[in-house]
Amino acid sequence: MLQESVDALFDNGRRGRVITGTNKRPLKSLSDMLKGKQGRFRQNLLGKRVDFSGRSVIVTGPELKLHQCGLPKKWHWSSLSLHLF
């Protein structure tokens, strides 16, 4: 009984029988809180908001050289204005 409770705390359902709560839903184990897309690592620790960053699609332009990168003027002034003045 105690061993089953400790096993369910670490990884519920690993030993075959899932421990459920009073509402008949499986209890969330420590490994469930860490793994997956909604887990602690991917949700909170790896995916943080960062200032002065942006996402865009990379396309080619006929006026750009091979070593150049084109930025939209609106994005350029909004994200880099603190560093330019």
PDB file of N, CA and C in Angstrom:
ATOM      1  N   MET A   1       0.825  -1.189   0.000  1.00  0.00           N
ATOM      2  CA  MET A   1       0.000   0.000   0.000  1.00  0.00           C
ATOM      3  C   MET A   1       0.874   1.259   0.000  1.00  0.00           C
ATOM      4  N   LEU A   2       1.838   1.331   0.895  1.00  0.00           N
ATOM      5  CA  LEU A   2       2.720   2.487   0.946  1.00  0.00           C
ATOM      6  C   LEU A   2       3.588   2.559  -0.308  1.00  0.00           C
ATOM      7  N   GLN A   3       4.092   1.402  -0.765  1.00  0.00           N
ATOM      8  CA  GLN A   3       4.928   1.382  -1.961  1.00  0.00           C
ATOM      9  C   GLN A   3       4.140   1.830  -3.188  1.00  0.00           C
ATOM     10  N   GLU A   4       2.885   1.436  -3.298  1.00  0.00           N
ATOM     11  CA  GLU A   4       2.050   1.866  -4.423  1.00  0.00           C
ATOM     12  C   GLU A   4       1.831   3.376  -4.397  1.00  0.00           C
ATOM     13  N   SER A   5       1.664   3.938  -3.215  1.00  0.00           N
ATOM     14  CA  SER A   5       1.467   5.385  -3.101  1.00  0.00           C
ATOM     15  C   SER A   5       2.724   6.147  -3.488  1.00  0.00           C
ATOM     16  N   VAL A   6       3.884   5.647  -3.074  1.00  0.00           N
ATOM     17  CA  VAL A   6       5.149   6.295  -3.429  1.00  0.00           C
ATOM     18  C   VAL A   6       5.395   6.167  -4.932  1.00  0.00           C
ATOM     19  N   ASP A   7       5.113   4.992  -5.507  1.00  0.00           N
ATOM     20  CA  ASP A   7       5.265   4.809  -6.953  1.00  0.00           C
ATOM     21  C   ASP A   7       4.337   5.740  -7.728  1.00  0.00           C
ATOM     22  N   ALA A   8       3.114   5.902  -7.246  1.00  0.00           N
ATOM     23  CA  ALA A   8       2.163   6.796  -7.911  1.00  0.00           C
ATOM     24  C   ALA A   8       2.604   8.248  -7.793  1.00  0.00           C
ATOM     25  N   LEU A   9       3.264   8.600  -6.707  1.00  0.00           N
ATOM     26  CA  LEU A   9       3.761   9.964  -6.553  1.00  0.00           C
ATOM     27  C   LEU A   9       4.836  10.269  -7.592  1.00  0.00           C
ATOM     28  N   PHE A  10       5.729   9.313  -7.830  1.00  0.00           N
ATOM     29  CA  PHE A  10       6.808   9.543  -8.788  1.00  0.00           C
ATOM     30  C   PHE A  10       6.351   9.357 -10.231  1.00  0.00           C
ATOM     31  N   ASP A  11       5.634   8.276 -10.526  1.00  0.00           N
ATOM     32  CA  ASP A  11       5.184   8.011 -11.895  1.00  0.00           C
ATOM     33  C   ASP A  11       3.903   7.187 -11.831  1.00  0.00           C
ATOM     34  N   ASN A  12       2.778   7.846 -11.851  1.00  0.00           N
ATOM     35  CA  ASN A  12       1.482   7.179 -11.730  1.00  0.00           C
ATOM     36  C   ASN A  12       1.178   6.398 -13.009  1.00  0.00           C
ATOM     37  N   GLY A  13       0.844   5.140 -12.861  1.00  0.00           N
ATOM     38  CA  GLY A  13       0.506   4.304 -14.001  1.00  0.00           C
ATOM     39  C   GLY A  13       1.653   3.488 -14.543  1.00  0.00           C
ATOM     40  N   ARG A  14       2.830   3.654 -14.023  1.00  0.00           N
ATOM     41  CA  ARG A  14       3.987   2.916 -14.530  1.00  0.00           C
ATOM     42  C   ARG A  14       3.900   1.435 -14.169  1.00  0.00           C
ATOM     43  N   ARG A  15       3.371   1.137 -13.015  1.00  0.00           N
ATOM     44  CA  ARG A  15       3.285  -0.256 -12.568  1.00  0.00           C
ATOM     45  C   ARG A  15       1.994  -0.924 -13.020  1.00  0.00           C
ATOM     46  N   GLY A  16       1.235  -0.273 -13.875  1.00  0.00           N
ATOM     47  CA  GLY A  16       0.033  -0.896 -14.413  1.00  0.00           C
ATOM     48  C   GLY A  16      -1.254  -0.312 -13.861  1.00  0.00           C
ATOM     49  N   ARG A  17      -1.350  -0.214 -12.567  1.00  0.00           N
ATOM     50  CA  ARG A  17      -2.576   0.289 -11.948  1.00  0.00           C
ATOM     51  C   ARG A  17      -2.437   1.781 -11.677  1.00  0.00           C
ATOM     52  N   VAL A  18      -3.381   2.552 -12.190  1.00  0.00           N
ATOM     53  CA  VAL A  18      -3.356   3.998 -12.019  1.00  0.00           C
ATOM     54  C   VAL A  18      -4.113   4.357 -10.747  1.00  0.00           C
ATOM     55  N   ILE A  19      -3.509   5.176  -9.906  1.00  0.00           N
ATOM     56  CA  ILE A  19      -4.152   5.649  -8.682  1.00  0.00           C
ATOM     57  C   ILE A  19      -5.015   6.855  -9.041  1.00  0.00           C
ATOM     58  N   THR A  20      -6.285   6.809  -8.642  1.00  0.00           N
ATOM     59  CA  THR A  20      -7.212   7.899  -8.947  1.00  0.00           C
ATOM     60  C   THR A  20      -7.585   8.640  -7.677  1.00  0.00           C
ATOM     61  N   GLY A  21      -8.038   9.873  -7.864  1.00  0.00           N
ATOM     62  CA  GLY A  21      -8.473  10.694  -6.744  1.00  0.00           C
ATOM     63  C   GLY A  21      -9.935  10.455  -6.419  1.00  0.00           C
ATOM     64  N   THR A  22     -10.499  11.344  -5.624  1.00  0.00           N
ATOM     65  CA  THR A  22     -11.900  11.198  -5.221  1.00  0.00           C
ATOM     66  C   THR A  22     -12.855  11.425  -6.388  1.00  0.00           C
ATOM     67  N   ASN A  23     -12.437  12.153  -7.400  1.00  0.00           N
ATOM     68  CA  ASN A  23     -13.292  12.411  -8.554  1.00  0.00           C
ATOM     69  C   ASN A  23     -13.055  11.415  -9.692  1.00  0.00           C
ATOM     70  N   LYS A  24     -12.393  10.305  -9.418  1.00  0.00           N
ATOM     71  CA  LYS A  24     -12.126   9.208 -10.360  1.00  0.00           C
ATOM     72  C   LYS A  24     -11.196   9.598 -11.512  1.00  0.00           C
ATOM     73  N   ARG A  25     -10.491  10.713 -11.374  1.00  0.00           N
ATOM     74  CA  ARG A  25      -9.489  11.104 -12.365  1.00  0.00           C
ATOM     75  C   ARG A  25      -8.117  10.664 -11.880  1.00  0.00           C
ATOM     76  N   PRO A  26      -7.220  10.265 -12.796  1.00  0.00           N
ATOM     77  CA  PRO A  26      -5.876   9.849 -12.369  1.00  0.00           C
ATOM     78  C   PRO A  26      -5.118  11.003 -11.729  1.00  0.00           C
ATOM     79  N   LEU A  27      -4.409  10.701 -10.652  1.00  0.00           N
ATOM     80  CA  LEU A  27      -3.617  11.723  -9.980  1.00  0.00           C
ATOM     81  C   LEU A  27      -2.399  12.080 -10.831  1.00  0.00           C
ATOM     82  N   LYS A  28      -2.000  13.334 -10.799  1.00  0.00           N
ATOM     83  CA  LYS A  28      -0.857  13.806 -11.573  1.00  0.00           C
ATOM     84  C   LYS A  28       0.419  13.547 -10.776  1.00  0.00           C
ATOM     85  N   SER A  29       1.340  12.796 -11.361  1.00  0.00           N
ATOM     86  CA  SER A  29       2.581  12.453 -10.667  1.00  0.00           C
ATOM     87  C   SER A  29       3.648  13.505 -10.940  1.00  0.00           C
ATOM     88  N   LEU A  30       4.769  13.371 -10.250  1.00  0.00           N
ATOM     89  CA  LEU A  30       5.878  14.306 -10.443  1.00  0.00           C
ATOM     90  C   LEU A  30       6.430  14.233 -11.863  1.00  0.00           C
ATOM     91  N   SER A  31       6.508  13.040 -12.420  1.00  0.00           N
ATOM     92  CA  SER A  31       7.008  12.925 -13.795  1.00  0.00           C
ATOM     93  C   SER A  31       6.022  13.529 -14.790  1.00  0.00           C
ATOM     94  N   ASP A  32       4.718  13.474 -14.514  1.00  0.00           N
ATOM     95  CA  ASP A  32       3.731  14.119 -15.382  1.00  0.00           C
ATOM     96  C   ASP A  32       3.875  15.633 -15.351  1.00  0.00           C
ATOM     97  N   MET A  33       4.264  16.183 -14.211  1.00  0.00           N
ATOM     98  CA  MET A  33       4.443  17.631 -14.099  1.00  0.00           C
ATOM     99  C   MET A  33       5.686  18.119 -14.833  1.00  0.00           C
ATOM    100  N   LEU A  34       6.655  17.231 -15.066  1.00  0.00           N
ATOM    101  CA  LEU A  34       7.905  17.624 -15.719  1.00  0.00           C
ATOM    102  C   LEU A  34       7.911  17.368 -17.215  1.00  0.00           C
ATOM    103  N   LYS A  35       7.268  16.285 -17.663  1.00  0.00           N
ATOM    104  CA  LYS A  35       7.404  15.885 -19.059  1.00  0.00           C
ATOM    105  C   LYS A  35       6.321  16.500 -19.940  1.00  0.00           C
ATOM    106  N   GLY A  36       6.590  16.500 -21.223  1.00  0.00           N
ATOM    107  CA  GLY A  36       5.612  16.942 -22.203  1.00  0.00           C
ATOM    108  C   GLY A  36       5.659  18.425 -22.496  1.00  0.00           C
ATOM    109  N   LYS A  37       4.773  18.833 -23.396  1.00  0.00           N
ATOM    110  CA  LYS A  37       4.733  20.226 -23.819  1.00  0.00           C
ATOM    111  C   LYS A  37       4.227  21.136 -22.709  1.00  0.00           C
ATOM    112  N   GLN A  38       3.340  20.661 -21.883  1.00  0.00           N
ATOM    113  CA  GLN A  38       2.803  21.458 -20.784  1.00  0.00           C
ATOM    114  C   GLN A  38       3.587  21.260 -19.492  1.00  0.00           C
ATOM    115  N   GLY A  39       4.701  20.559 -19.549  1.00  0.00           N
ATOM    116  CA  GLY A  39       5.510  20.309 -18.362  1.00  0.00           C
ATOM    117  C   GLY A  39       6.298  21.529 -17.919  1.00  0.00           C
ATOM    118  N   ARG A  40       6.944  21.396 -16.791  1.00  0.00           N
ATOM    119  CA  ARG A  40       7.672  22.515 -16.182  1.00  0.00           C
ATOM    120  C   ARG A  40       8.812  23.020 -17.064  1.00  0.00           C
ATOM    121  N   PHE A  41       9.551  22.106 -17.682  1.00  0.00           N
ATOM    122  CA  PHE A  41      10.718  22.522 -18.460  1.00  0.00           C
ATOM    123  C   PHE A  41      10.317  23.302 -19.700  1.00  0.00           C
ATOM    124  N   ARG A  42       9.430  22.751 -20.507  1.00  0.00           N
ATOM    125  CA  ARG A  42       9.082  23.430 -21.760  1.00  0.00           C
ATOM    126  C   ARG A  42       8.151  24.607 -21.542  1.00  0.00           C
ATOM    127  N   GLN A  43       7.291  24.526 -20.557  1.00  0.00           N
ATOM    128  CA  GLN A  43       6.323  25.599 -20.348  1.00  0.00           C
ATOM    129  C   GLN A  43       6.942  26.816 -19.664  1.00  0.00           C
ATOM    130  N   ASN A  44       7.736  26.605 -18.632  1.00  0.00           N
ATOM    131  CA  ASN A  44       8.205  27.723 -17.818  1.00  0.00           C
ATOM    132  C   ASN A  44       9.689  28.035 -17.964  1.00  0.00           C
ATOM    133  N   LEU A  45      10.526  27.035 -18.024  1.00  0.00           N
ATOM    134  CA  LEU A  45      11.961  27.278 -17.968  1.00  0.00           C
ATOM    135  C   LEU A  45      12.584  27.565 -19.331  1.00  0.00           C
ATOM    136  N   LEU A  46      12.137  26.889 -20.378  1.00  0.00           N
ATOM    137  CA  LEU A  46      12.753  27.083 -21.690  1.00  0.00           C
ATOM    138  C   LEU A  46      12.081  28.182 -22.499  1.00  0.00           C
ATOM    139  N   GLY A  47      10.805  28.352 -22.355  1.00  0.00           N
ATOM    140  CA  GLY A  47      10.076  29.317 -23.167  1.00  0.00           C
ATOM    141  C   GLY A  47       9.842  30.624 -22.450  1.00  0.00           C
ATOM    142  N   LYS A  48      10.814  31.488 -22.449  1.00  0.00           N
ATOM    143  CA  LYS A  48      10.672  32.783 -21.784  1.00  0.00           C
ATOM    144  C   LYS A  48      10.570  33.887 -22.820  1.00  0.00           C
ATOM    145  N   ARG A  49       9.921  34.967 -22.441  1.00  0.00           N
ATOM    146  CA  ARG A  49       9.835  36.145 -23.303  1.00  0.00           C
ATOM    147  C   ARG A  49      11.152  36.912 -23.235  1.00  0.00           C
ATOM    148  N   VAL A  50      11.576  37.424 -24.380  1.00  0.00           N
ATOM    149  CA  VAL A  50      12.842  38.134 -24.471  1.00  0.00           C
ATOM    150  C   VAL A  50      12.589  39.478 -25.140  1.00  0.00           C
ATOM    151  N   ASP A  51      13.188  40.535 -24.600  1.00  0.00           N
ATOM    152  CA  ASP A  51      13.072  41.848 -25.216  1.00  0.00           C
ATOM    153  C   ASP A  51      13.931  41.923 -26.474  1.00  0.00           C
ATOM    154  N   PHE A  52      13.550  42.802 -27.376  1.00  0.00           N
ATOM    155  CA  PHE A  52      14.291  43.088 -28.606  1.00  0.00           C
ATOM    156  C   PHE A  52      14.500  41.841 -29.453  1.00  0.00           C
ATOM    157  N   SER A  53      13.443  41.085 -29.663  1.00  0.00           N
ATOM    158  CA  SER A  53      13.508  39.928 -30.543  1.00  0.00           C
ATOM    159  C   SER A  53      12.286  39.945 -31.448  1.00  0.00           C
ATOM    160  N   GLY A  54      12.371  39.256 -32.538  1.00  0.00           N
ATOM    161  CA  GLY A  54      11.258  39.201 -33.467  1.00  0.00           C
ATOM    162  C   GLY A  54      11.303  37.935 -34.293  1.00  0.00           C
ATOM    163  N   ARG A  55      10.152  37.610 -34.871  1.00  0.00           N
ATOM    164  CA  ARG A  55      10.047  36.449 -35.745  1.00  0.00           C
ATOM    165  C   ARG A  55       9.559  36.913 -37.099  1.00  0.00           C
ATOM    166  N   SER A  56      10.074  36.290 -38.118  1.00  0.00           N
ATOM    167  CA  SER A  56       9.651  36.651 -39.459  1.00  0.00           C
ATOM    168  C   SER A  56       9.984  35.509 -40.407  1.00  0.00           C
ATOM    169  N   VAL A  57       9.493  35.628 -41.623  1.00  0.00           N
ATOM    170  CA  VAL A  57       9.792  34.664 -42.670  1.00  0.00           C
ATOM    171  C   VAL A  57      10.982  35.186 -43.465  1.00  0.00           C
ATOM    172  N   ILE A  58      11.923  34.319 -43.767  1.00  0.00           N
ATOM    173  CA  ILE A  58      13.101  34.704 -44.536  1.00  0.00           C
ATOM    174  C   ILE A  58      12.788  34.542 -46.022  1.00  0.00           C
ATOM    175  N   VAL A  59      12.935  35.615 -46.766  1.00  0.00           N
ATOM    176  CA  VAL A  59      12.737  35.589 -48.215  1.00  0.00           C
ATOM    177  C   VAL A  59      13.923  36.284 -48.873  1.00  0.00           C
ATOM    178  N   THR A  60      14.095  36.033 -50.142  1.00  0.00           N
ATOM    179  CA  THR A  60      15.182  36.680 -50.874  1.00  0.00           C
ATOM    180  C   THR A  60      14.694  37.979 -51.496  1.00  0.00           C
ATOM    181  N   GLY A  61      15.624  38.865 -51.744  1.00  0.00           N
ATOM    182  CA  GLY A  61      15.304  40.120 -52.402  1.00  0.00           C
ATOM    183  C   GLY A  61      16.293  40.388 -53.515  1.00  0.00           C
ATOM    184  N   PRO A  62      15.844  40.944 -54.639  1.00  0.00           N
ATOM    185  CA  PRO A  62      16.761  41.161 -55.760  1.00  0.00           C
ATOM    186  C   PRO A  62      17.794  42.252 -55.489  1.00  0.00           C
ATOM    187  N   GLU A  63      17.499  43.162 -54.565  1.00  0.00           N
ATOM    188  CA  GLU A  63      18.431  44.253 -54.292  1.00  0.00           C
ATOM    189  C   GLU A  63      19.433  43.910 -53.191  1.00  0.00           C
ATOM    190  N   LEU A  64      19.289  42.770 -52.536  1.00  0.00           N
ATOM    191  CA  LEU A  64      20.193  42.376 -51.454  1.00  0.00           C
ATOM    192  C   LEU A  64      21.348  41.540 -51.992  1.00  0.00           C
ATOM    193  N   LYS A  65      22.504  41.733 -51.390  1.00  0.00           N
ATOM    194  CA  LYS A  65      23.658  40.899 -51.720  1.00  0.00           C
ATOM    195  C   LYS A  65      23.595  39.626 -50.882  1.00  0.00           C
ATOM    196  N   LEU A  66      24.491  38.693 -51.138  1.00  0.00           N
ATOM    197  CA  LEU A  66      24.457  37.411 -50.444  1.00  0.00           C
ATOM    198  C   LEU A  66      24.710  37.539 -48.950  1.00  0.00           C
ATOM    199  N   HIS A  67      25.499  38.498 -48.531  1.00  0.00           N
ATOM    200  CA  HIS A  67      25.845  38.652 -47.120  1.00  0.00           C
ATOM    201  C   HIS A  67      24.949  39.661 -46.400  1.00  0.00           C
ATOM    202  N   GLN A  68      23.866  40.108 -47.002  1.00  0.00           N
ATOM    203  CA  GLN A  68      22.993  41.111 -46.401  1.00  0.00           C
ATOM    204  C   GLN A  68      21.680  40.497 -45.944  1.00  0.00           C
ATOM    205  N   CYS A  69      21.066  41.191 -45.005  1.00  0.00           N
ATOM    206  CA  CYS A  69      19.775  40.781 -44.458  1.00  0.00           C
ATOM    207  C   CYS A  69      18.848  41.991 -44.491  1.00  0.00           C
ATOM    208  N   GLY A  70      17.659  41.841 -45.012  1.00  0.00           N
ATOM    209  CA  GLY A  70      16.711  42.947 -45.073  1.00  0.00           C
ATOM    210  C   GLY A  70      15.752  42.925 -43.895  1.00  0.00           C
ATOM    211  N   LEU A  71      15.527  44.092 -43.280  1.00  0.00           N
ATOM    212  CA  LEU A  71      14.594  44.222 -42.160  1.00  0.00           C
ATOM    213  C   LEU A  71      13.517  45.237 -42.516  1.00  0.00           C
ATOM    214  N   PRO A  72      12.276  44.989 -42.124  1.00  0.00           N
ATOM    215  CA  PRO A  72      11.246  46.000 -42.329  1.00  0.00           C
ATOM    216  C   PRO A  72      11.549  47.240 -41.490  1.00  0.00           C
ATOM    217  N   LYS A  73      11.288  48.437 -42.038  1.00  0.00           N
ATOM    218  CA  LYS A  73      11.610  49.673 -41.330  1.00  0.00           C
ATOM    219  C   LYS A  73      10.838  49.800 -40.023  1.00  0.00           C
ATOM    220  N   LYS A  74       9.576  49.382 -40.023  1.00  0.00           N
ATOM    221  CA  LYS A  74       8.765  49.491 -38.808  1.00  0.00           C
ATOM    222  C   LYS A  74       9.360  48.635 -37.682  1.00  0.00           C
ATOM    223  N   TRP A  75       9.757  47.419 -38.001  1.00  0.00           N
ATOM    224  CA  TRP A  75      10.346  46.544 -36.989  1.00  0.00           C
ATOM    225  C   TRP A  75      11.704  47.082 -36.554  1.00  0.00           C
ATOM    226  N   HIS A  76      12.457  47.571 -37.479  1.00  0.00           N
ATOM    227  CA  HIS A  76      13.792  48.082 -37.182  1.00  0.00           C
ATOM    228  C   HIS A  76      13.728  49.227 -36.180  1.00  0.00           C
ATOM    229  N   TRP A  77      12.872  50.200 -36.411  1.00  0.00           N
ATOM    230  CA  TRP A  77      12.807  51.364 -35.522  1.00  0.00           C
ATOM    231  C   TRP A  77      12.170  51.029 -34.181  1.00  0.00           C
ATOM    232  N   SER A  78      11.229  50.099 -34.170  1.00  0.00           N
ATOM    233  CA  SER A  78      10.576  49.787 -32.894  1.00  0.00           C
ATOM    234  C   SER A  78      11.464  48.952 -31.980  1.00  0.00           C
ATOM    235  N   SER A  79      12.308  48.099 -32.542  1.00  0.00           N
ATOM    236  CA  SER A  79      13.108  47.220 -31.689  1.00  0.00           C
ATOM    237  C   SER A  79      14.528  47.729 -31.446  1.00  0.00           C
ATOM    238  N   LEU A  80      15.072  48.518 -32.352  1.00  0.00           N
ATOM    239  CA  LEU A  80      16.460  48.949 -32.215  1.00  0.00           C
ATOM    240  C   LEU A  80      16.616  50.428 -31.895  1.00  0.00           C
ATOM    241  N   SER A  81      15.530  51.148 -31.656  1.00  0.00           N
ATOM    242  CA  SER A  81      15.626  52.597 -31.448  1.00  0.00           C
ATOM    243  C   SER A  81      16.408  52.950 -30.179  1.00  0.00           C
ATOM    244  N   LEU A  82      16.339  52.122 -29.148  1.00  0.00           N
ATOM    245  CA  LEU A  82      17.087  52.403 -27.917  1.00  0.00           C
ATOM    246  C   LEU A  82      18.595  52.313 -28.138  1.00  0.00           C
ATOM    247  N   HIS A  83      19.022  51.476 -29.052  1.00  0.00           N
ATOM    248  CA  HIS A  83      20.449  51.291 -29.295  1.00  0.00           C
ATOM    249  C   HIS A  83      21.016  52.287 -30.305  1.00  0.00           C
ATOM    250  N   LEU A  84      20.145  52.912 -31.081  1.00  0.00           N
ATOM    251  CA  LEU A  84      20.621  53.821 -32.127  1.00  0.00           C
ATOM    252  C   LEU A  84      20.836  55.238 -31.622  1.00  0.00           C
ATOM    253  N   PHE A  85      20.115  55.638 -30.597  1.00  0.00           N
ATOM    254  CA  PHE A  85      20.209  57.027 -30.122  1.00  0.00           C
ATOM    255  C   PHE A  85      21.032  57.139 -28.868  1.00  0.00           C
TER     256      PHE A  85
END
